[in-house]
Amino acid sequence: SPVHFKEIETIEELRERLWLLDLLGRYGVRLPCDSSKIRKRAGQLCNLKLGIADAAHVAFAEATSDIFITCDDKLLRKCNKSNVKISVVSPVDFCFKEDLR
């Protein structure tokens, strides 16, 4: 999600910031999407009590992915109780679902 770059910009520790940018540069994939639709959907998700960054991540995932993986239990519960249009799971649940060992 493009939100990752905004979040990384706020990290004060230079070494950590550069390490994360390097990881995104190596393994990240920029996916084509309609940013105006994503912004609109993020606004709807904010109305469901998701935080701004969380709403942006989920809206982007809805537009570009089949599944959204999060370690944030609170976000996971909120998404599963609302009308999120994507499967939202924890990393552990994802591994079980995909039979990864």
PDB file of N, CA and C in Angstrom:
ATOM      1  N   SER A   1       0.836  -1.184   0.000  1.00  0.00           N
ATOM      2  CA  SER A   1       0.000   0.000   0.000  1.00  0.00           C
ATOM      3  C   SER A   1       0.883   1.250   0.000  1.00  0.00           C
ATOM      4  N   PRO A   2       0.519   2.271  -0.754  1.00  0.00           N
ATOM      5  CA  PRO A   2       1.281   3.519  -0.732  1.00  0.00           C
ATOM      6  C   PRO A   2       1.346   4.145   0.660  1.00  0.00           C
ATOM      7  N   VAL A   3       0.434   3.765   1.524  1.00  0.00           N
ATOM      8  CA  VAL A   3       0.427   4.289   2.894  1.00  0.00           C
ATOM      9  C   VAL A   3       1.713   3.900   3.618  1.00  0.00           C
ATOM     10  N   HIS A   4       2.292   2.761   3.247  1.00  0.00           N
ATOM     11  CA  HIS A   4       3.537   2.340   3.893  1.00  0.00           C
ATOM     12  C   HIS A   4       4.611   3.414   3.766  1.00  0.00           C
ATOM     13  N   PHE A   5       4.710   4.039   2.602  1.00  0.00           N
ATOM     14  CA  PHE A   5       5.725   5.065   2.399  1.00  0.00           C
ATOM     15  C   PHE A   5       5.488   6.262   3.310  1.00  0.00           C
ATOM     16  N   LYS A   6       4.231   6.655   3.475  1.00  0.00           N
ATOM     17  CA  LYS A   6       3.904   7.768   4.376  1.00  0.00           C
ATOM     18  C   LYS A   6       4.255   7.404   5.818  1.00  0.00           C
ATOM     19  N   GLU A   7       3.960   6.184   6.211  1.00  0.00           N
ATOM     20  CA  GLU A   7       4.270   5.748   7.571  1.00  0.00           C
ATOM     21  C   GLU A   7       5.779   5.690   7.797  1.00  0.00           C
ATOM     22  N   ILE A   8       6.504   5.225   6.811  1.00  0.00           N
ATOM     23  CA  ILE A   8       7.959   5.131   6.942  1.00  0.00           C
ATOM     24  C   ILE A   8       8.585   6.516   7.055  1.00  0.00           C
ATOM     25  N   GLU A   9       8.036   7.500   6.361  1.00  0.00           N
ATOM     26  CA  GLU A   9       8.549   8.873   6.436  1.00  0.00           C
ATOM     27  C   GLU A   9       8.543   9.406   7.865  1.00  0.00           C
ATOM     28  N   THR A  10       7.638   8.918   8.693  1.00  0.00           N
ATOM     29  CA  THR A  10       7.516   9.436  10.061  1.00  0.00           C
ATOM     30  C   THR A  10       8.486   8.777  11.039  1.00  0.00           C
ATOM     31  N   ILE A  11       9.212   7.757  10.605  1.00  0.00           N
ATOM     32  CA  ILE A  11      10.154   7.065  11.491  1.00  0.00           C
ATOM     33  C   ILE A  11      11.395   7.931  11.666  1.00  0.00           C
ATOM     34  N   GLU A  12      11.692   8.282  12.900  1.00  0.00           N
ATOM     35  CA  GLU A  12      12.821   9.169  13.177  1.00  0.00           C
ATOM     36  C   GLU A  12      14.167   8.471  13.034  1.00  0.00           C
ATOM     37  N   GLU A  13      14.236   7.210  13.398  1.00  0.00           N
ATOM     38  CA  GLU A  13      15.486   6.450  13.333  1.00  0.00           C
ATOM     39  C   GLU A  13      15.875   6.236  11.868  1.00  0.00           C
ATOM     40  N   LEU A  14      16.936   6.909  11.435  1.00  0.00           N
ATOM     41  CA  LEU A  14      17.349   6.880  10.034  1.00  0.00           C
ATOM     42  C   LEU A  14      17.654   5.465   9.549  1.00  0.00           C
ATOM     43  N   ARG A  15      18.378   4.705  10.346  1.00  0.00           N
ATOM     44  CA  ARG A  15      18.759   3.351   9.936  1.00  0.00           C
ATOM     45  C   ARG A  15      17.518   2.484   9.689  1.00  0.00           C
ATOM     46  N   GLU A  16      16.542   2.580  10.590  1.00  0.00           N
ATOM     47  CA  GLU A  16      15.305   1.805  10.439  1.00  0.00           C
ATOM     48  C   GLU A  16      14.536   2.253   9.196  1.00  0.00           C
ATOM     49  N   ARG A  17      14.448   3.578   9.012  1.00  0.00           N
ATOM     50  CA  ARG A  17      13.725   4.113   7.858  1.00  0.00           C
ATOM     51  C   ARG A  17      14.352   3.625   6.547  1.00  0.00           C
ATOM     52  N   LEU A  18      15.680   3.699   6.458  1.00  0.00           N
ATOM     53  CA  LEU A  18      16.366   3.259   5.245  1.00  0.00           C
ATOM     54  C   LEU A  18      16.224   1.760   5.025  1.00  0.00           C
ATOM     55  N   TRP A  19      16.268   0.989   6.108  1.00  0.00           N
ATOM     56  CA  TRP A  19      16.114  -0.464   6.007  1.00  0.00           C
ATOM     57  C   TRP A  19      14.738  -0.815   5.445  1.00  0.00           C
ATOM     58  N   LEU A  20      13.689  -0.150   5.962  1.00  0.00           N
ATOM     59  CA  LEU A  20      12.334  -0.417   5.481  1.00  0.00           C
ATOM     60  C   LEU A  20      12.152   0.012   4.027  1.00  0.00           C
ATOM     61  N   LEU A  21      12.716   1.150   3.666  1.00  0.00           N
ATOM     62  CA  LEU A  21      12.631   1.592   2.271  1.00  0.00           C
ATOM     63  C   LEU A  21      13.358   0.617   1.346  1.00  0.00           C
ATOM     64  N   ASP A  22      14.485   0.083   1.815  1.00  0.00           N
ATOM     65  CA  ASP A  22      15.210  -0.917   1.039  1.00  0.00           C
ATOM     66  C   ASP A  22      14.360  -2.175   0.848  1.00  0.00           C
ATOM     67  N   LEU A  23      13.714  -2.630   1.918  1.00  0.00           N
ATOM     68  CA  LEU A  23      12.841  -3.806   1.816  1.00  0.00           C
ATOM     69  C   LEU A  23      11.721  -3.581   0.808  1.00  0.00           C
ATOM     70  N   LEU A  24      11.086  -2.416   0.890  1.00  0.00           N
ATOM     71  CA  LEU A  24      10.010  -2.118  -0.062  1.00  0.00           C
ATOM     72  C   LEU A  24      10.542  -2.035  -1.489  1.00  0.00           C
ATOM     73  N   GLY A  25      11.741  -1.481  -1.629  1.00  0.00           N
ATOM     74  CA  GLY A  25      12.342  -1.397  -2.956  1.00  0.00           C
ATOM     75  C   GLY A  25      12.637  -2.765  -3.549  1.00  0.00           C
ATOM     76  N   ARG A  26      13.060  -3.682  -2.706  1.00  0.00           N
ATOM     77  CA  ARG A  26      13.400  -5.028  -3.179  1.00  0.00           C
ATOM     78  C   ARG A  26      12.174  -5.907  -3.415  1.00  0.00           C
ATOM     79  N   TYR A  27      11.246  -5.858  -2.473  1.00  0.00           N
ATOM     80  CA  TYR A  27      10.148  -6.830  -2.488  1.00  0.00           C
ATOM     81  C   TYR A  27       8.772  -6.232  -2.741  1.00  0.00           C
ATOM     82  N   GLY A  28       8.662  -4.936  -2.653  1.00  0.00           N
ATOM     83  CA  GLY A  28       7.368  -4.297  -2.858  1.00  0.00           C
ATOM     84  C   GLY A  28       6.998  -4.259  -4.331  1.00  0.00           C
ATOM     85  N   VAL A  29       5.720  -4.251  -4.584  1.00  0.00           N
ATOM     86  CA  VAL A  29       5.205  -4.179  -5.951  1.00  0.00           C
ATOM     87  C   VAL A  29       4.181  -3.053  -5.990  1.00  0.00           C
ATOM     88  N   ARG A  30       4.370  -2.139  -6.907  1.00  0.00           N
ATOM     89  CA  ARG A  30       3.379  -1.066  -7.068  1.00  0.00           C
ATOM     90  C   ARG A  30       2.285  -1.566  -8.003  1.00  0.00           C
ATOM     91  N   LEU A  31       1.082  -1.578  -7.487  1.00  0.00           N
ATOM     92  CA  LEU A  31      -0.046  -2.093  -8.254  1.00  0.00           C
ATOM     93  C   LEU A  31      -0.868  -0.940  -8.815  1.00  0.00           C
ATOM     94  N   PRO A  32      -1.313  -1.065 -10.063  1.00  0.00           N
ATOM     95  CA  PRO A  32      -2.163  -0.012 -10.626  1.00  0.00           C
ATOM     96  C   PRO A  32      -3.512   0.001  -9.910  1.00  0.00           C
ATOM     97  N   CYS A  33      -3.999   1.193  -9.658  1.00  0.00           N
ATOM     98  CA  CYS A  33      -5.285   1.312  -8.972  1.00  0.00           C
ATOM     99  C   CYS A  33      -5.864   2.695  -9.221  1.00  0.00           C
ATOM    100  N   ASP A  34      -7.134   2.838  -8.929  1.00  0.00           N
ATOM    101  CA  ASP A  34      -7.832   4.113  -9.054  1.00  0.00           C
ATOM    102  C   ASP A  34      -7.794   4.796  -7.689  1.00  0.00           C
ATOM    103  N   SER A  35      -6.862   5.721  -7.532  1.00  0.00           N
ATOM    104  CA  SER A  35      -6.661   6.330  -6.213  1.00  0.00           C
ATOM    105  C   SER A  35      -7.879   7.118  -5.732  1.00  0.00           C
ATOM    106  N   SER A  36      -8.664   7.680  -6.643  1.00  0.00           N
ATOM    107  CA  SER A  36      -9.852   8.422  -6.195  1.00  0.00           C
ATOM    108  C   SER A  36     -10.883   7.471  -5.586  1.00  0.00           C
ATOM    109  N   LYS A  37     -11.038   6.284  -6.168  1.00  0.00           N
ATOM    110  CA  LYS A  37     -11.960   5.293  -5.594  1.00  0.00           C
ATOM    111  C   LYS A  37     -11.444   4.788  -4.248  1.00  0.00           C
ATOM    112  N   ILE A  38     -10.142   4.622  -4.154  1.00  0.00           N
ATOM    113  CA  ILE A  38      -9.556   4.156  -2.890  1.00  0.00           C
ATOM    114  C   ILE A  38      -9.744   5.209  -1.804  1.00  0.00           C
ATOM    115  N   ARG A  39      -9.531   6.489  -2.142  1.00  0.00           N
ATOM    116  CA  ARG A  39      -9.751   7.558  -1.156  1.00  0.00           C
ATOM    117  C   ARG A  39     -11.207   7.582  -0.689  1.00  0.00           C
ATOM    118  N   LYS A  40     -12.121   7.425  -1.632  1.00  0.00           N
ATOM    119  CA  LYS A  40     -13.547   7.418  -1.282  1.00  0.00           C
ATOM    120  C   LYS A  40     -13.858   6.251  -0.351  1.00  0.00           C
ATOM    121  N   ARG A  41     -13.361   5.076  -0.693  1.00  0.00           N
ATOM    122  CA  ARG A  41     -13.604   3.896   0.148  1.00  0.00           C
ATOM    123  C   ARG A  41     -12.941   4.058   1.511  1.00  0.00           C
ATOM    124  N   ALA A  42     -11.749   4.634   1.554  1.00  0.00           N
ATOM    125  CA  ALA A  42     -11.079   4.867   2.836  1.00  0.00           C
ATOM    126  C   ALA A  42     -11.928   5.781   3.716  1.00  0.00           C
ATOM    127  N   GLY A  43     -12.556   6.772   3.118  1.00  0.00           N
ATOM    128  CA  GLY A  43     -13.456   7.644   3.874  1.00  0.00           C
ATOM    129  C   GLY A  43     -14.627   6.876   4.456  1.00  0.00           C
ATOM    130  N   GLN A  44     -15.190   5.964   3.669  1.00  0.00           N
ATOM    131  CA  GLN A  44     -16.285   5.124   4.168  1.00  0.00           C
ATOM    132  C   GLN A  44     -15.812   4.256   5.334  1.00  0.00           C
ATOM    133  N   LEU A  45     -14.606   3.711   5.211  1.00  0.00           N
ATOM    134  CA  LEU A  45     -14.066   2.862   6.278  1.00  0.00           C
ATOM    135  C   LEU A  45     -13.765   3.677   7.536  1.00  0.00           C
ATOM    136  N   CYS A  46     -13.358   4.923   7.364  1.00  0.00           N
ATOM    137  CA  CYS A  46     -13.160   5.803   8.530  1.00  0.00           C
ATOM    138  C   CYS A  46     -14.478   6.003   9.268  1.00  0.00           C
ATOM    139  N   ASN A  47     -15.571   6.092   8.520  1.00  0.00           N
ATOM    140  CA  ASN A  47     -16.889   6.227   9.144  1.00  0.00           C
ATOM    141  C   ASN A  47     -17.273   4.988   9.939  1.00  0.00           C
ATOM    142  N   LEU A  48     -16.612   3.861   9.651  1.00  0.00           N
ATOM    143  CA  LEU A  48     -16.843   2.622  10.406  1.00  0.00           C
ATOM    144  C   LEU A  48     -15.887   2.508  11.592  1.00  0.00           C
ATOM    145  N   LYS A  49     -15.234   3.629  11.921  1.00  0.00           N
ATOM    146  CA  LYS A  49     -14.341   3.726  13.079  1.00  0.00           C
ATOM    147  C   LYS A  49     -12.955   3.125  12.856  1.00  0.00           C
ATOM    148  N   LEU A  50     -12.552   2.946  11.601  1.00  0.00           N
ATOM    149  CA  LEU A  50     -11.167   2.581  11.339  1.00  0.00           C
ATOM    150  C   LEU A  50     -10.346   3.861  11.331  1.00  0.00           C
ATOM    151  N   GLY A  51      -9.119   3.794  11.802  1.00  0.00           N
ATOM    152  CA  GLY A  51      -8.236   4.948  11.748  1.00  0.00           C
ATOM    153  C   GLY A  51      -7.900   5.283  10.298  1.00  0.00           C
ATOM    154  N   ILE A  52      -7.375   6.464  10.075  1.00  0.00           N
ATOM    155  CA  ILE A  52      -7.104   6.927   8.714  1.00  0.00           C
ATOM    156  C   ILE A  52      -6.135   5.995   7.985  1.00  0.00           C
ATOM    157  N   ALA A  53      -5.005   5.677   8.608  1.00  0.00           N
ATOM    158  CA  ALA A  53      -4.017   4.808   7.949  1.00  0.00           C
ATOM    159  C   ALA A  53      -4.576   3.405   7.746  1.00  0.00           C
ATOM    160  N   ASP A  54      -5.248   2.868   8.761  1.00  0.00           N
ATOM    161  CA  ASP A  54      -5.843   1.531   8.631  1.00  0.00           C
ATOM    162  C   ASP A  54      -6.873   1.509   7.509  1.00  0.00           C
ATOM    163  N   ALA A  55      -7.701   2.541   7.448  1.00  0.00           N
ATOM    164  CA  ALA A  55      -8.721   2.622   6.399  1.00  0.00           C
ATOM    165  C   ALA A  55      -8.073   2.668   5.019  1.00  0.00           C
ATOM    166  N   ALA A  56      -6.990   3.412   4.897  1.00  0.00           N
ATOM    167  CA  ALA A  56      -6.295   3.495   3.611  1.00  0.00           C
ATOM    168  C   ALA A  56      -5.692   2.146   3.226  1.00  0.00           C
ATOM    169  N   HIS A  57      -5.069   1.465   4.186  1.00  0.00           N
ATOM    170  CA  HIS A  57      -4.502   0.136   3.911  1.00  0.00           C
ATOM    171  C   HIS A  57      -5.589  -0.837   3.452  1.00  0.00           C
ATOM    172  N   VAL A  58      -6.702  -0.866   4.171  1.00  0.00           N
ATOM    173  CA  VAL A  58      -7.783  -1.803   3.850  1.00  0.00           C
ATOM    174  C   VAL A  58      -8.408  -1.453   2.498  1.00  0.00           C
ATOM    175  N   ALA A  59      -8.635  -0.177   2.248  1.00  0.00           N
ATOM    176  CA  ALA A  59      -9.220   0.238   0.967  1.00  0.00           C
ATOM    177  C   ALA A  59      -8.303  -0.151  -0.195  1.00  0.00           C
ATOM    178  N   PHE A  60      -7.012   0.047  -0.025  1.00  0.00           N
ATOM    179  CA  PHE A  60      -6.062  -0.338  -1.067  1.00  0.00           C
ATOM    180  C   PHE A  60      -6.082  -1.852  -1.265  1.00  0.00           C
ATOM    181  N   ALA A  61      -6.115  -2.592  -0.172  1.00  0.00           N
ATOM    182  CA  ALA A  61      -6.156  -4.058  -0.262  1.00  0.00           C
ATOM    183  C   ALA A  61      -7.427  -4.525  -0.964  1.00  0.00           C
ATOM    184  N   GLU A  62      -8.554  -3.905  -0.631  1.00  0.00           N
ATOM    185  CA  GLU A  62      -9.813  -4.274  -1.295  1.00  0.00           C
ATOM    186  C   GLU A  62      -9.706  -4.097  -2.809  1.00  0.00           C
ATOM    187  N   ALA A  63      -9.014  -3.048  -3.225  1.00  0.00           N
ATOM    188  CA  ALA A  63      -8.923  -2.723  -4.651  1.00  0.00           C
ATOM    189  C   ALA A  63      -7.888  -3.564  -5.399  1.00  0.00           C
ATOM    190  N   THR A  64      -6.947  -4.162  -4.672  1.00  0.00           N
ATOM    191  CA  THR A  64      -5.826  -4.798  -5.374  1.00  0.00           C
ATOM    192  C   THR A  64      -5.517  -6.234  -4.956  1.00  0.00           C
ATOM    193  N   SER A  65      -6.167  -6.743  -3.918  1.00  0.00           N
ATOM    194  CA  SER A  65      -5.751  -8.033  -3.356  1.00  0.00           C
ATOM    195  C   SER A  65      -6.934  -8.941  -3.059  1.00  0.00           C
ATOM    196  N   ASP A  66      -6.613 -10.167  -2.725  1.00  0.00           N
ATOM    197  CA  ASP A  66      -7.623 -11.146  -2.319  1.00  0.00           C
ATOM    198  C   ASP A  66      -7.718 -11.267  -0.807  1.00  0.00           C
ATOM    199  N   ILE A  67      -6.658 -10.843  -0.117  1.00  0.00           N
ATOM    200  CA  ILE A  67      -6.591 -11.044   1.325  1.00  0.00           C
ATOM    201  C   ILE A  67      -5.774  -9.918   1.948  1.00  0.00           C
ATOM    202  N   PHE A  68      -6.126  -9.553   3.170  1.00  0.00           N
ATOM    203  CA  PHE A  68      -5.403  -8.532   3.920  1.00  0.00           C
ATOM    204  C   PHE A  68      -4.897  -9.190   5.194  1.00  0.00           C
ATOM    205  N   ILE A  69      -3.592  -9.170   5.388  1.00  0.00           N
ATOM    206  CA  ILE A  69      -2.979  -9.814   6.554  1.00  0.00           C
ATOM    207  C   ILE A  69      -2.525  -8.731   7.516  1.00  0.00           C
ATOM    208  N   THR A  70      -2.934  -8.867   8.783  1.00  0.00           N
ATOM    209  CA  THR A  70      -2.559  -7.886   9.795  1.00  0.00           C
ATOM    210  C   THR A  70      -2.233  -8.558  11.121  1.00  0.00           C
ATOM    211  N   CYS A  71      -1.294  -7.961  11.834  1.00  0.00           N
ATOM    212  CA  CYS A  71      -0.957  -8.407  13.195  1.00  0.00           C
ATOM    213  C   CYS A  71      -1.772  -7.639  14.231  1.00  0.00           C
ATOM    214  N   ASP A  72      -2.511  -6.644  13.787  1.00  0.00           N
ATOM    215  CA  ASP A  72      -3.280  -5.770  14.669  1.00  0.00           C
ATOM    216  C   ASP A  72      -4.625  -6.425  15.000  1.00  0.00           C
ATOM    217  N   ASP A  73      -4.710  -7.011  16.200  1.00  0.00           N
ATOM    218  CA  ASP A  73      -5.935  -7.719  16.602  1.00  0.00           C
ATOM    219  C   ASP A  73      -7.157  -6.806  16.621  1.00  0.00           C
ATOM    220  N   LYS A  74      -6.954  -5.567  17.044  1.00  0.00           N
ATOM    221  CA  LYS A  74      -8.072  -4.621  17.096  1.00  0.00           C
ATOM    222  C   LYS A  74      -8.595  -4.332  15.680  1.00  0.00           C
ATOM    223  N   LEU A  75      -7.691  -4.114  14.747  1.00  0.00           N
ATOM    224  CA  LEU A  75      -8.088  -3.878  13.354  1.00  0.00           C
ATOM    225  C   LEU A  75      -8.756  -5.118  12.776  1.00  0.00           C
ATOM    226  N   LEU A  76      -8.220  -6.273  13.080  1.00  0.00           N
ATOM    227  CA  LEU A  76      -8.791  -7.540  12.611  1.00  0.00           C
ATOM    228  C   LEU A  76     -10.243  -7.684  13.065  1.00  0.00           C
ATOM    229  N   ARG A  77     -10.491  -7.405  14.344  1.00  0.00           N
ATOM    230  CA  ARG A  77     -11.865  -7.500  14.874  1.00  0.00           C
ATOM    231  C   ARG A  77     -12.782  -6.480  14.208  1.00  0.00           C
ATOM    232  N   LYS A  78     -12.313  -5.236  14.079  1.00  0.00           N
ATOM    233  CA  LYS A  78     -13.142  -4.200  13.450  1.00  0.00           C
ATOM    234  C   LYS A  78     -13.503  -4.578  12.015  1.00  0.00           C
ATOM    235  N   CYS A  79     -12.530  -5.065  11.282  1.00  0.00           N
ATOM    236  CA  CYS A  79     -12.778  -5.439   9.881  1.00  0.00           C
ATOM    237  C   CYS A  79     -13.764  -6.591   9.785  1.00  0.00           C
ATOM    238  N   ASN A  80     -13.609  -7.561  10.653  1.00  0.00           N
ATOM    239  CA  ASN A  80     -14.486  -8.730  10.592  1.00  0.00           C
ATOM    240  C   ASN A  80     -15.905  -8.430  11.070  1.00  0.00           C
ATOM    241  N   LYS A  81     -16.092  -7.317  11.787  1.00  0.00           N
ATOM    242  CA  LYS A  81     -17.433  -6.917  12.230  1.00  0.00           C
ATOM    243  C   LYS A  81     -18.094  -5.942  11.258  1.00  0.00           C
ATOM    244  N   SER A  82     -17.342  -5.416  10.317  1.00  0.00           N
ATOM    245  CA  SER A  82     -17.893  -4.407   9.409  1.00  0.00           C
ATOM    246  C   SER A  82     -18.033  -4.978   8.002  1.00  0.00           C
ATOM    247  N   ASN A  83     -18.381  -4.120   7.072  1.00  0.00           N
ATOM    248  CA  ASN A  83     -18.632  -4.578   5.703  1.00  0.00           C
ATOM    249  C   ASN A  83     -17.388  -4.483   4.825  1.00  0.00           C
ATOM    250  N   VAL A  84     -16.264  -4.920   5.352  1.00  0.00           N
ATOM    251  CA  VAL A  84     -15.031  -4.928   4.576  1.00  0.00           C
ATOM    252  C   VAL A  84     -15.171  -5.969   3.467  1.00  0.00           C
ATOM    253  N   LYS A  85     -14.726  -5.599   2.280  1.00  0.00           N
ATOM    254  CA  LYS A  85     -14.942  -6.438   1.093  1.00  0.00           C
ATOM    255  C   LYS A  85     -13.739  -7.317   0.770  1.00  0.00           C
ATOM    256  N   ILE A  86     -13.018  -7.718   1.793  1.00  0.00           N
ATOM    257  CA  ILE A  86     -11.831  -8.537   1.607  1.00  0.00           C
ATOM    258  C   ILE A  86     -11.671  -9.424   2.836  1.00  0.00           C
ATOM    259  N   SER A  87     -11.069 -10.565   2.650  1.00  0.00           N
ATOM    260  CA  SER A  87     -10.787 -11.444   3.781  1.00  0.00           C
ATOM    261  C   SER A  87      -9.648 -10.830   4.595  1.00  0.00           C
ATOM    262  N   VAL A  88      -9.862 -10.658   5.893  1.00  0.00           N
ATOM    263  CA  VAL A  88      -8.857 -10.074   6.780  1.00  0.00           C
ATOM    264  C   VAL A  88      -8.463 -11.135   7.798  1.00  0.00           C
ATOM    265  N   VAL A  89      -7.172 -11.468   7.830  1.00  0.00           N
ATOM    266  CA  VAL A  89      -6.699 -12.551   8.690  1.00  0.00           C
ATOM    267  C   VAL A  89      -5.386 -12.173   9.365  1.00  0.00           C
ATOM    268  N   SER A  90      -5.063 -12.920  10.414  1.00  0.00           N
ATOM    269  CA  SER A  90      -3.763 -12.780  11.070  1.00  0.00           C
ATOM    270  C   SER A  90      -2.729 -13.575  10.274  1.00  0.00           C
ATOM    271  N   PRO A  91      -1.445 -13.298  10.467  1.00  0.00           N
ATOM    272  CA  PRO A  91      -0.418 -14.097   9.778  1.00  0.00           C
ATOM    273  C   PRO A  91      -0.524 -15.590  10.102  1.00  0.00           C
ATOM    274  N   VAL A  92      -0.822 -15.920  11.351  1.00  0.00           N
ATOM    275  CA  VAL A  92      -0.947 -17.326  11.746  1.00  0.00           C
ATOM    276  C   VAL A  92      -2.110 -17.981  11.006  1.00  0.00           C
ATOM    277  N   ASP A  93      -3.267 -17.304  10.982  1.00  0.00           N
ATOM    278  CA  ASP A  93      -4.425 -17.854  10.267  1.00  0.00           C
ATOM    279  C   ASP A  93      -4.140 -18.003   8.772  1.00  0.00           C
ATOM    280  N   PHE A  94      -3.403 -17.051   8.216  1.00  0.00           N
ATOM    281  CA  PHE A  94      -3.040 -17.148   6.802  1.00  0.00           C
ATOM    282  C   PHE A  94      -2.190 -18.393   6.551  1.00  0.00           C
ATOM    283  N   CYS A  95      -1.216 -18.638   7.421  1.00  0.00           N
ATOM    284  CA  CYS A  95      -0.348 -19.815   7.262  1.00  0.00           C
ATOM    285  C   CYS A  95      -1.149 -21.107   7.352  1.00  0.00           C
ATOM    286  N   PHE A  96      -2.090 -21.169   8.300  1.00  0.00           N
ATOM    287  CA  PHE A  96      -2.944 -22.356   8.398  1.00  0.00           C
ATOM    288  C   PHE A  96      -3.794 -22.520   7.139  1.00  0.00           C
ATOM    289  N   LYS A  97      -4.388 -21.401   6.700  1.00  0.00           N
ATOM    290  CA  LYS A  97      -5.266 -21.433   5.527  1.00  0.00           C
ATOM    291  C   LYS A  97      -4.518 -21.913   4.284  1.00  0.00           C
ATOM    292  N   GLU A  98      -3.275 -21.485   4.143  1.00  0.00           N
ATOM    293  CA  GLU A  98      -2.478 -21.835   2.970  1.00  0.00           C
ATOM    294  C   GLU A  98      -1.652 -23.105   3.183  1.00  0.00           C
ATOM    295  N   ASP A  99      -1.817 -23.724   4.339  1.00  0.00           N
ATOM    296  CA  ASP A  99      -1.081 -24.943   4.699  1.00  0.00           C
ATOM    297  C   ASP A  99       0.435 -24.735   4.606  1.00  0.00           C
ATOM    298  N   LEU A 100       0.879 -23.587   5.130  1.00  0.00           N
ATOM    299  CA  LEU A 100       2.313 -23.275   5.160  1.00  0.00           C
ATOM    300  C   LEU A 100       2.901 -23.782   6.463  1.00  0.00           C
ATOM    301  N   ARG A 101       4.026 -24.420   6.377  1.00  0.00           N
ATOM    302  CA  ARG A 101       4.674 -24.964   7.581  1.00  0.00           C
ATOM    303  C   ARG A 101       6.112 -24.549   7.630  1.00  0.00           C
TER     304      ARG A 101
END
